[in-house]
Protein backbone atom coordinates (compact mmCIF):
# COMPACT_ATOMS: atom_id res chain seq x y z
CA MET A 1 18.95 10.93 -17.35
CA LYS A 2 16.46 8.08 -18.96
CA ASP A 3 13.60 6.87 -17.23
CA ASP A 4 13.20 3.17 -17.73
CA LYS A 5 10.77 2.27 -15.41
CA PRO A 6 7.86 0.30 -16.78
CA PHE A 7 5.10 2.50 -15.44
CA LYS A 8 3.79 6.30 -14.85
CA ILE A 9 0.82 7.52 -12.43
CA ARG A 10 -1.51 10.40 -13.36
CA LYS A 11 -4.15 11.84 -10.74
CA VAL A 12 -7.58 11.92 -11.95
CA SER A 13 -9.13 13.72 -8.83
CA GLU A 14 -8.62 13.38 -4.97
CA GLY A 15 -8.41 9.08 -4.12
CA ILE A 16 -8.47 8.52 -7.95
CA PHE A 17 -5.67 7.57 -9.85
CA PHE A 18 -4.62 5.87 -12.99
CA VAL A 19 -0.93 3.58 -13.11
CA ASP A 20 -0.16 3.03 -16.63
CA ILE A 21 2.34 -0.23 -16.92
CA THR A 22 3.84 -0.95 -20.29
CA PHE A 23 5.03 -4.36 -21.45
CA GLU A 24 7.62 -5.08 -23.55
CA THR A 25 6.30 -6.18 -26.93
CA LYS A 26 8.81 -9.58 -27.20
CA GLN A 27 8.74 -10.01 -23.11
CA ILE A 28 4.98 -10.91 -22.85
CA ASN A 29 5.80 -13.25 -19.90
CA LYS A 30 8.09 -10.68 -18.05
CA PRO A 31 5.91 -9.53 -15.06
CA ILE A 32 5.44 -5.97 -13.64
CA TRP A 33 5.73 -5.90 -9.89
CA CYS A 34 3.97 -3.40 -7.01
CA LEU A 35 5.01 -3.50 -3.50
CA LEU A 36 1.77 -2.76 -1.60
CA ARG A 37 2.76 -1.87 2.08
CA SER A 38 0.96 -0.51 4.89
CA ASP A 39 1.27 0.39 8.85
CA ALA A 40 4.92 0.85 8.38
CA HIS A 41 5.02 2.92 11.71
CA HIS A 42 8.58 3.85 10.61
CA ASP A 43 9.09 5.99 13.40
CA ASN A 44 8.00 3.36 16.23
CA PRO A 45 10.94 1.99 17.80
CA HIS A 46 9.20 -1.66 17.63
CA SER A 47 9.09 -0.96 13.86
CA ASP A 48 11.34 -3.55 12.10
CA ASN A 49 13.02 -0.81 9.50
CA ALA A 50 15.50 -3.25 8.21
CA MET A 51 12.73 -5.20 6.79
CA GLU A 52 11.14 -2.55 5.38
CA LYS A 53 14.51 -1.35 3.62
CA ARG A 54 15.00 -4.83 2.28
CA HIS A 55 11.75 -4.58 0.83
CA LEU A 56 12.44 -1.13 -0.61
CA GLU A 57 15.46 -2.34 -2.00
CA GLU A 58 13.89 -5.38 -3.41
CA ALA A 59 11.32 -3.24 -5.26
CA ILE A 60 14.25 -0.72 -6.63
CA LYS A 61 15.89 -4.32 -8.30
CA LYS A 62 12.46 -5.14 -9.69
CA LYS A 63 11.21 -2.06 -10.86
CA ALA A 64 8.37 -2.14 -9.02
CA PHE A 65 6.07 0.61 -7.97
CA ILE A 66 5.13 1.13 -4.46
CA LEU A 67 1.79 1.96 -2.94
CA ASP A 68 1.29 2.79 0.81
CA ASN A 69 -1.38 2.34 2.29
CA GLY A 70 -1.09 4.77 5.45
CA ASP A 71 -0.29 4.72 9.07
CA ALA A 72 3.54 5.42 7.73
CA PHE A 73 4.06 7.53 11.05
CA CYS A 74 3.07 6.62 14.48
CA ALA A 75 3.53 9.74 15.84
CA MET A 76 2.18 9.56 18.94
CA GLN A 77 4.80 10.93 21.12
CA GLY A 78 3.92 14.72 20.75
CA LYS A 79 3.23 17.17 23.31
CA GLY A 80 -0.21 16.15 25.07
CA ASP A 81 -0.74 12.97 23.34
CA PRO A 82 -2.18 10.74 25.88
CA ARG A 83 -0.49 7.65 24.16
CA ALA A 84 3.05 9.20 24.46
CA SER A 85 5.78 7.22 26.49
CA LYS A 86 9.09 8.25 26.56
CA ASN A 87 10.22 4.71 25.64
CA ASP A 88 8.92 4.76 22.60
CA ILE A 89 10.53 7.60 20.78
CA LYS A 90 13.82 7.36 18.88
CA LEU A 91 16.66 9.68 19.84
CA GLU A 92 16.26 11.45 16.59
CA HIS A 93 12.98 12.68 17.16
CA LYS A 94 13.41 14.22 20.46
CA GLY A 95 12.98 18.05 20.61
CA GLY A 96 10.31 20.80 20.49
CA ASN A 97 9.75 20.12 16.78
CA TYR A 98 8.61 16.59 17.09
CA LEU A 99 6.40 16.49 14.15
CA ASP A 100 8.84 18.41 12.00
CA LYS A 101 11.59 15.83 12.87
CA LEU A 102 9.04 12.96 11.93
CA VAL A 103 8.92 14.48 8.23
CA ASP A 104 12.81 15.25 7.69
CA THR A 105 14.08 11.93 8.80
CA TYR A 106 11.57 9.78 7.11
CA SER A 107 11.90 11.76 3.81
CA GLU A 108 15.53 11.66 3.86
CA TRP A 109 15.35 7.93 4.58
CA LEU A 110 13.00 7.29 1.72
CA LYS A 111 14.86 9.47 -0.71
CA PRO A 112 16.66 6.72 -2.35
CA TYR A 113 13.22 5.36 -3.11
CA ALA A 114 11.13 8.16 -4.02
CA SER A 115 11.11 7.92 -7.84
CA ASN A 116 9.22 4.09 -7.27
CA ILE A 117 6.78 5.37 -4.70
CA LEU A 118 3.53 6.62 -6.63
CA VAL A 119 1.13 6.84 -3.81
CA MET A 120 1.36 7.74 -0.28
CA GLY A 121 -2.12 7.09 1.34
CA LYS A 122 -3.49 8.23 4.94
CA GLY A 123 -4.16 6.34 8.22
CA ASN A 124 -5.75 6.70 11.17
CA HIS A 125 -2.62 8.00 12.86
CA GLU A 126 -2.13 10.32 10.24
CA THR A 127 -5.57 11.80 10.28
CA ALA A 128 -5.36 11.98 13.78
CA VAL A 129 -2.52 13.97 14.22
CA TYR A 130 -4.24 16.33 11.50
CA LYS A 131 -7.45 16.56 13.67
CA HIS A 132 -5.58 17.38 17.09
CA ARG A 133 -2.42 19.41 15.94
CA GLU A 134 -3.65 20.52 12.44
CA THR A 135 -0.98 19.38 10.42
CA ASP A 136 -1.15 16.64 7.48
CA LEU A 137 2.14 14.81 7.82
CA THR A 138 1.27 12.91 4.64
CA GLU A 139 1.40 15.87 2.48
CA ARG A 140 4.14 17.21 3.93
CA LEU A 141 6.27 14.08 3.60
CA VAL A 142 5.27 14.13 0.11
CA ASN A 143 6.04 17.38 -0.73
CA SER A 144 9.61 16.92 1.10
CA LEU A 145 10.52 13.79 -0.95
CA ASN A 146 9.27 15.67 -4.00
CA GLY A 147 11.27 18.41 -3.30
CA LYS A 148 14.42 16.55 -2.36
CA THR A 149 14.36 14.37 -5.68
CA ASN A 150 12.52 14.73 -8.86
CA ALA A 151 9.95 12.16 -7.81
CA THR A 152 6.31 12.85 -8.14
CA VAL A 153 4.93 11.03 -5.38
CA LYS A 154 1.10 11.56 -5.16
CA THR A 155 -0.63 12.12 -1.78
CA GLY A 156 -3.52 9.73 -1.35
CA GLN A 157 -6.59 9.58 1.14
CA ILE A 158 -7.63 6.76 3.85
CA ALA A 159 -9.50 5.08 0.86
CA ASN A 160 -8.17 5.13 -2.87
CA TRP A 161 -8.99 3.78 -6.42
CA ILE A 162 -5.95 2.72 -8.32
CA GLY A 163 -6.65 1.56 -12.01
CA ILE A 164 -3.57 -0.40 -13.08
CA ARG A 165 -3.76 -0.23 -16.83
CA GLY A 166 -1.52 -2.37 -18.96
CA ARG A 167 -0.25 -1.57 -22.59
CA HIS A 168 2.20 -2.93 -24.67
CA LYS A 169 5.51 -0.46 -25.50
CA LYS A 170 5.78 -1.30 -29.37
CA ASP A 171 2.29 -1.15 -30.17
CA ALA A 172 1.69 2.23 -32.16
CA LYS A 173 -1.88 2.74 -30.93
CA SER A 174 -0.71 1.88 -27.27
CA ARG A 175 -3.61 -0.89 -27.24
CA SER A 176 -4.74 -1.25 -23.80
CA LEU A 177 -4.28 -4.80 -22.08
CA GLY A 178 -7.25 -3.91 -19.75
CA THR A 179 -7.61 -2.33 -16.55
CA VAL A 180 -7.16 -3.77 -12.89
CA TRP A 181 -9.14 -1.99 -10.26
CA LEU A 182 -7.67 -1.83 -7.01
CA TYR A 183 -9.31 -0.32 -4.30
CA MET A 184 -6.93 0.55 -1.06
CA PHE A 185 -8.42 1.54 1.96
CA HIS A 186 -6.40 1.92 5.04
CA GLY A 187 -9.24 -0.19 7.07
CA ALA A 188 -11.05 0.26 10.31
CA GLY A 189 -12.22 -1.81 13.32
CA GLY A 190 -9.96 -3.97 15.58
CA GLY A 191 -10.01 -6.80 13.10
CA GLY A 192 -10.95 -9.52 15.80
CA PRO A 193 -8.92 -11.88 17.60
CA VAL A 194 -10.34 -14.77 15.72
CA THR A 195 -11.59 -13.95 12.42
CA LYS A 196 -8.87 -11.25 11.90
CA GLY A 197 -11.12 -9.17 10.11
CA VAL A 198 -11.81 -11.87 7.16
CA ILE A 199 -15.75 -11.27 7.73
CA GLY A 200 -15.58 -7.59 6.39
CA ALA A 201 -14.25 -9.05 3.01
CA ASN A 202 -17.86 -9.91 2.11
CA ARG A 203 -18.97 -6.85 3.51
CA MET A 204 -16.99 -4.96 1.34
CA GLY A 205 -17.30 -6.97 -1.45
CA VAL A 206 -20.88 -6.15 -1.74
CA VAL A 207 -20.38 -2.48 -1.90
CA LEU A 208 -17.13 -2.53 -3.85
CA PRO A 209 -18.63 -4.48 -6.99
CA ASP A 210 -16.37 -2.91 -9.52
CA ALA A 211 -13.01 -3.91 -7.90
CA ASN A 212 -10.83 -6.26 -8.70
CA ILE A 213 -8.48 -6.16 -5.60
CA VAL A 214 -9.59 -4.62 -2.35
CA ALA A 215 -6.71 -4.35 -0.25
CA THR A 216 -7.07 -3.14 3.50
CA GLY A 217 -4.62 -2.97 6.52
CA HIS A 218 -5.03 -1.12 9.87
CA THR A 219 -5.56 -4.19 11.95
CA HIS A 220 -1.65 -5.75 11.24
CA ASP A 221 -3.23 -8.80 10.14
CA HIS A 222 -2.66 -11.03 7.12
CA TRP A 223 -4.64 -12.99 4.92
CA ILE A 224 -4.92 -13.28 0.96
CA LEU A 225 -8.77 -14.30 0.13
CA PRO A 226 -10.25 -15.03 -3.39
CA ASN A 227 -14.16 -14.24 -3.52
CA ALA A 228 -15.70 -15.76 -6.25
CA ARG A 229 -18.60 -14.36 -8.08
CA ALA A 230 -21.28 -15.52 -10.59
CA ARG A 231 -21.77 -13.09 -13.22
CA ILE A 232 -23.56 -12.71 -16.35
CA THR A 233 -23.19 -11.01 -19.67
CA GLN A 234 -25.33 -8.09 -21.45
CA ASP A 235 -26.21 -11.09 -24.07
CA GLY A 236 -27.21 -13.94 -21.04
CA LYS A 237 -24.07 -15.73 -21.09
CA GLU A 238 -23.10 -16.92 -17.07
CA TYR A 239 -19.79 -16.81 -16.05
CA ILE A 240 -17.51 -16.89 -12.60
CA ASP A 241 -14.88 -14.49 -11.86
CA GLU A 242 -13.19 -13.63 -8.75
CA GLN A 243 -12.53 -10.48 -6.53
CA LEU A 244 -9.19 -10.64 -4.37
CA HIS A 245 -9.09 -9.42 -1.08
CA ILE A 246 -5.79 -8.65 0.74
CA LYS A 247 -4.98 -7.53 4.11
CA ILE A 248 -1.61 -6.12 4.23
CA PRO A 249 0.63 -6.91 7.20
CA THR A 250 2.48 -4.48 9.43
CA TYR A 251 6.33 -3.64 10.10
CA LYS A 252 5.62 -3.10 13.91
CA ASN A 253 6.13 -5.82 16.16
CA GLU A 254 5.07 -4.80 19.78
CA TYR A 255 4.69 -8.11 20.65
CA GLY A 256 7.45 -10.08 23.69
CA VAL A 257 7.78 -10.83 26.86
CA LYS A 258 10.44 -8.13 27.45
CA ASP A 259 7.95 -5.46 26.89
CA SER A 260 5.09 -4.67 29.13
CA GLY A 261 3.70 -1.98 27.10
CA PHE A 262 0.32 -1.47 25.80
CA HIS A 263 0.52 -4.46 23.18
CA MET A 264 1.14 -6.55 26.10
CA GLU A 265 -1.40 -5.07 28.55
CA LYS A 266 -4.41 -5.80 26.58
CA GLY A 267 -3.41 -9.39 25.80
CA ARG A 268 -2.99 -9.05 22.08
CA PRO A 269 -1.27 -11.60 20.07
CA PRO A 270 1.95 -11.31 17.81
CA LYS A 271 1.50 -9.83 14.46
CA PRO A 272 2.72 -11.01 11.04
CA LEU A 273 5.26 -8.47 9.64
CA GLY A 274 6.04 -7.67 5.92
CA ALA A 275 3.82 -6.51 3.08
CA ILE A 276 2.58 -7.82 -0.44
CA TRP A 277 3.70 -8.29 -3.95
CA LEU A 278 1.34 -7.44 -6.77
CA LYS A 279 2.51 -9.19 -9.92
CA PHE A 280 0.98 -7.75 -13.06
CA PHE A 281 1.37 -10.31 -16.28
CA LEU A 282 -0.13 -10.97 -19.28
CA GLY A 283 -2.19 -14.11 -20.12
CA ARG A 284 -3.46 -15.36 -23.18
CA ILE A 285 -7.42 -15.83 -23.32
CA PRO A 286 -7.70 -19.11 -25.59
CA GLU A 287 -11.33 -18.46 -26.82
CA ILE A 288 -10.12 -15.00 -28.07
CA GLY A 289 -6.50 -15.57 -28.69
CA SER A 290 -5.63 -12.24 -27.51
CA GLU A 291 -3.54 -11.23 -24.13
CA LYS A 292 -5.35 -9.72 -20.69
CA LEU A 293 -3.77 -8.02 -18.09
CA LYS A 294 -3.67 -10.68 -15.05
CA PHE A 295 -2.42 -10.56 -11.37
CA GLU A 296 -1.72 -12.44 -8.37
CA ALA A 297 -0.80 -11.60 -4.82
CA LEU A 298 2.50 -13.12 -2.84
CA ARG A 299 3.52 -12.18 0.71
CA ALA A 300 6.90 -10.29 1.01
CA ASP A 301 8.37 -10.97 4.24
């Protein structure tokens, strides 16, 4: 069967990938989409699986590639886990092989979307299971998905560099239209009840000067913040560019007076639900009369 998807992925090394996206020459204004998601916590009863499914279905319609930023699992109900609660486990996950059930049920659920998923990153929930239970849920999920389908999903790390490279389909020399570097980091810390972690954008911008986009999750907040930067070329021409910082929301909703769980006990606020659409398109540069790969971020809710 012919693969008509406008993207393909290549792993360079652990945590570093290239995604080549291909534009039809006569469709310069037709964008290529990416669904950027984080903190699905799919196995948690509080997770909005219906919203998650809606976004994945839309990604298929858009022929979008999908990047997951970790904490696809909650995985807190295993034997000996101090966070475990019998109220927070789905019926299909009850049993002695709890972790096996998490992988099997989620890989089966994700099967229809597997060929569009390019990278599954790791979050602190997956790394905690690896540390205490000596099994890599992300690697197992990827292997299960690839085994059940003809997909080539890649296992990422807790932080990943992803270079999105644009090309023309009918260009004989496959001329590059530029590369957008995405630094996808699961995230760390509590985010802050007032700042929502925005302060961290300035800190990350200092240590990630080559990133065009810095995307984090973990705190279940959401914002999109462009940071303008003063730059200078080798021949002494000053110019301004922007580094885009994105906080990816979650699919897990733990807030509500009907629930007396951990989230409510700690007095934590409601969190925004959803994901992010990255829209890649070609824009002309008037000074040189050629095209360049551009992007913008939109909320998927």
